[in-house]
């Protein structure tokens, strides 16, 4: 994976990002993806395995369901993995439930 500096923040982010607009089954997401929790988590696993550390999320995706799927799972993955450190993920958007 290729990484680049994010402005002057000191963060190095992957040039590819995982978008989570299709996580959940409400609103627009239902029409364009409607991924279940299991499917969304599998996608996160694949992205992390590929070296992605930039995830685009917003509290408006699926009425907040996207973040309800992402955040608890991400905390679980980070806790269980020796490959990830606290600075390994950059999340853009959302209120982080």
C-alpha atoms as a PDB file:
ATOM      1  CA  UNK A   1       0.000   0.000   0.000  1.00  0.00           C
ATOM      2  CA  UNK A   2       1.165   3.526  -0.725  1.00  0.00           C
ATOM      3  CA  UNK A   3       0.802   6.111   2.048  1.00  0.00           C
ATOM      4  CA  UNK A   4       0.891   9.896   1.935  1.00  0.00           C
ATOM      5  CA  UNK A   5       1.103  12.653   4.488  1.00  0.00           C
ATOM      6  CA  UNK A   6      -2.303  14.154   5.327  1.00  0.00           C
ATOM      7  CA  UNK A   7      -1.633  17.884   5.167  1.00  0.00           C
ATOM      8  CA  UNK A   8       0.418  19.083   8.117  1.00  0.00           C
ATOM      9  CA  UNK A   9      -1.249  16.710  10.557  1.00  0.00           C
ATOM     10  CA  UNK A  10       1.612  14.234  10.756  1.00  0.00           C
ATOM     11  CA  UNK A  11      -0.774  11.436   9.802  1.00  0.00           C
ATOM     12  CA  UNK A  12       0.207   9.042   7.027  1.00  0.00           C
ATOM     13  CA  UNK A  13      -2.841   7.692   5.247  1.00  0.00           C
ATOM     14  CA  UNK A  14      -3.297   5.104   2.550  1.00  0.00           C
ATOM     15  CA  UNK A  15      -3.952   6.416  -0.948  1.00  0.00           C
ATOM     16  CA  UNK A  16      -7.000   4.142  -1.036  1.00  0.00           C
ATOM     17  CA  UNK A  17      -9.834   4.653   1.409  1.00  0.00           C
ATOM     18  CA  UNK A  18     -12.748   2.491   2.468  1.00  0.00           C
ATOM     19  CA  UNK A  19     -16.083   4.267   2.099  1.00  0.00           C
ATOM     20  CA  UNK A  20     -18.843   3.137   4.451  1.00  0.00           C
ATOM     21  CA  UNK A  21     -21.865   4.731   2.803  1.00  0.00           C
ATOM     22  CA  UNK A  22     -23.198   1.269   1.917  1.00  0.00           C
ATOM     23  CA  UNK A  23     -22.985  -0.056   5.497  1.00  0.00           C
ATOM     24  CA  UNK A  24     -26.464  -0.494   6.945  1.00  0.00           C
ATOM     25  CA  UNK A  25     -29.929  -0.952   5.575  1.00  0.00           C
ATOM     26  CA  UNK A  26     -31.621   2.407   5.923  1.00  0.00           C
ATOM     27  CA  UNK A  27     -32.006   5.404   3.667  1.00  0.00           C
ATOM     28  CA  UNK A  28     -29.906   5.724   0.540  1.00  0.00           C
ATOM     29  CA  UNK A  29     -27.594   2.888   1.598  1.00  0.00           C
ATOM     30  CA  UNK A  30     -30.409   0.391   1.234  1.00  0.00           C
ATOM     31  CA  UNK A  31     -30.773   1.352  -2.402  1.00  0.00           C
ATOM     32  CA  UNK A  32     -27.062   1.317  -3.271  1.00  0.00           C
ATOM     33  CA  UNK A  33     -25.655  -1.438  -1.091  1.00  0.00           C
ATOM     34  CA  UNK A  34     -27.384  -2.192   2.160  1.00  0.00           C
ATOM     35  CA  UNK A  35     -24.503  -4.198   3.627  1.00  0.00           C
ATOM     36  CA  UNK A  36     -25.289  -6.129   6.787  1.00  0.00           C
ATOM     37  CA  UNK A  37     -23.050  -5.916   9.852  1.00  0.00           C
ATOM     38  CA  UNK A  38     -21.372  -9.156   8.836  1.00  0.00           C
ATOM     39  CA  UNK A  39     -20.737  -7.968   5.278  1.00  0.00           C
ATOM     40  CA  UNK A  40     -19.449  -4.596   6.449  1.00  0.00           C
ATOM     41  CA  UNK A  41     -17.102  -6.215   8.930  1.00  0.00           C
ATOM     42  CA  UNK A  42     -15.761  -8.555   6.240  1.00  0.00           C
ATOM     43  CA  UNK A  43     -15.074  -5.525   4.056  1.00  0.00           C
ATOM     44  CA  UNK A  44     -13.206  -3.796   6.897  1.00  0.00           C
ATOM     45  CA  UNK A  45     -11.109  -6.933   7.375  1.00  0.00           C
ATOM     46  CA  UNK A  46     -10.218  -7.030   3.676  1.00  0.00           C
ATOM     47  CA  UNK A  47      -9.321  -3.347   3.651  1.00  0.00           C
ATOM     48  CA  UNK A  48      -7.100  -3.617   6.737  1.00  0.00           C
ATOM     49  CA  UNK A  49      -5.400  -6.692   5.305  1.00  0.00           C
ATOM     50  CA  UNK A  50      -4.665  -4.687   2.135  1.00  0.00           C
ATOM     51  CA  UNK A  51      -3.125  -1.875   4.201  1.00  0.00           C
ATOM     52  CA  UNK A  52      -5.997   0.623   4.090  1.00  0.00           C
ATOM     53  CA  UNK A  53      -5.958   2.910   7.116  1.00  0.00           C
ATOM     54  CA  UNK A  54      -8.331   5.633   5.910  1.00  0.00           C
ATOM     55  CA  UNK A  55     -12.050   5.083   6.371  1.00  0.00           C
ATOM     56  CA  UNK A  56     -14.677   7.571   5.245  1.00  0.00           C
ATOM     57  CA  UNK A  57     -17.715   7.563   7.490  1.00  0.00           C
ATOM     58  CA  UNK A  58     -20.530   9.938   8.362  1.00  0.00           C
ATOM     59  CA  UNK A  59     -23.398   9.898  10.794  1.00  0.00           C
ATOM     60  CA  UNK A  60     -25.812  10.477   7.917  1.00  0.00           C
ATOM     61  CA  UNK A  61     -24.909   7.209   6.182  1.00  0.00           C
ATOM     62  CA  UNK A  62     -27.870   4.894   6.790  1.00  0.00           C
ATOM     63  CA  UNK A  63     -29.121   7.194   9.508  1.00  0.00           C
ATOM     64  CA  UNK A  64     -26.035   6.473  11.613  1.00  0.00           C
ATOM     65  CA  UNK A  65     -26.171   2.713  11.115  1.00  0.00           C
ATOM     66  CA  UNK A  66     -22.886   2.809   9.211  1.00  0.00           C
ATOM     67  CA  UNK A  67     -21.056   4.030  12.301  1.00  0.00           C
ATOM     68  CA  UNK A  68     -22.917   1.622  14.569  1.00  0.00           C
ATOM     69  CA  UNK A  69     -21.475  -1.180  12.445  1.00  0.00           C
ATOM     70  CA  UNK A  70     -17.991   0.264  12.039  1.00  0.00           C
ATOM     71  CA  UNK A  71     -16.871   1.643  15.403  1.00  0.00           C
ATOM     72  CA  UNK A  72     -17.558  -1.246  17.798  1.00  0.00           C
ATOM     73  CA  UNK A  73     -16.019  -3.667  15.326  1.00  0.00           C
ATOM     74  CA  UNK A  74     -12.996  -1.470  14.738  1.00  0.00           C
ATOM     75  CA  UNK A  75     -12.349  -1.289  18.473  1.00  0.00           C
ATOM     76  CA  UNK A  76     -12.631  -5.082  18.655  1.00  0.00           C
ATOM     77  CA  UNK A  77     -10.222  -5.540  15.718  1.00  0.00           C
ATOM     78  CA  UNK A  78      -7.713  -3.085  17.181  1.00  0.00           C
ATOM     79  CA  UNK A  79      -7.827  -4.788  20.579  1.00  0.00           C
ATOM     80  CA  UNK A  80      -7.357  -8.268  19.132  1.00  0.00           C
ATOM     81  CA  UNK A  81      -4.642  -7.415  16.644  1.00  0.00           C
ATOM     82  CA  UNK A  82      -0.960  -6.963  17.240  1.00  0.00           C
ATOM     83  CA  UNK A  83      -0.673  -5.482  13.733  1.00  0.00           C
ATOM     84  CA  UNK A  84      -2.532  -2.298  14.600  1.00  0.00           C
ATOM     85  CA  UNK A  85      -1.612   0.551  16.887  1.00  0.00           C
ATOM     86  CA  UNK A  86      -3.768   3.481  18.050  1.00  0.00           C
ATOM     87  CA  UNK A  87      -2.560   5.668  15.181  1.00  0.00           C
ATOM     88  CA  UNK A  88      -3.271   3.109  12.474  1.00  0.00           C
ATOM     89  CA  UNK A  89      -6.672   4.393  11.444  1.00  0.00           C
ATOM     90  CA  UNK A  90      -7.899   7.758  10.316  1.00  0.00           C
ATOM     91  CA  UNK A  91     -11.660   8.216  10.343  1.00  0.00           C
ATOM     92  CA  UNK A  92     -13.195  11.060   8.405  1.00  0.00           C
ATOM     93  CA  UNK A  93     -16.589  12.378   9.448  1.00  0.00           C
ATOM     94  CA  UNK A  94     -19.267  11.325  11.856  1.00  0.00           C
ATOM     95  CA  UNK A  95     -19.948  11.689  15.535  1.00  0.00           C
ATOM     96  CA  UNK A  96     -18.438   8.356  16.591  1.00  0.00           C
ATOM     97  CA  UNK A  97     -21.177   6.778  18.769  1.00  0.00           C
END
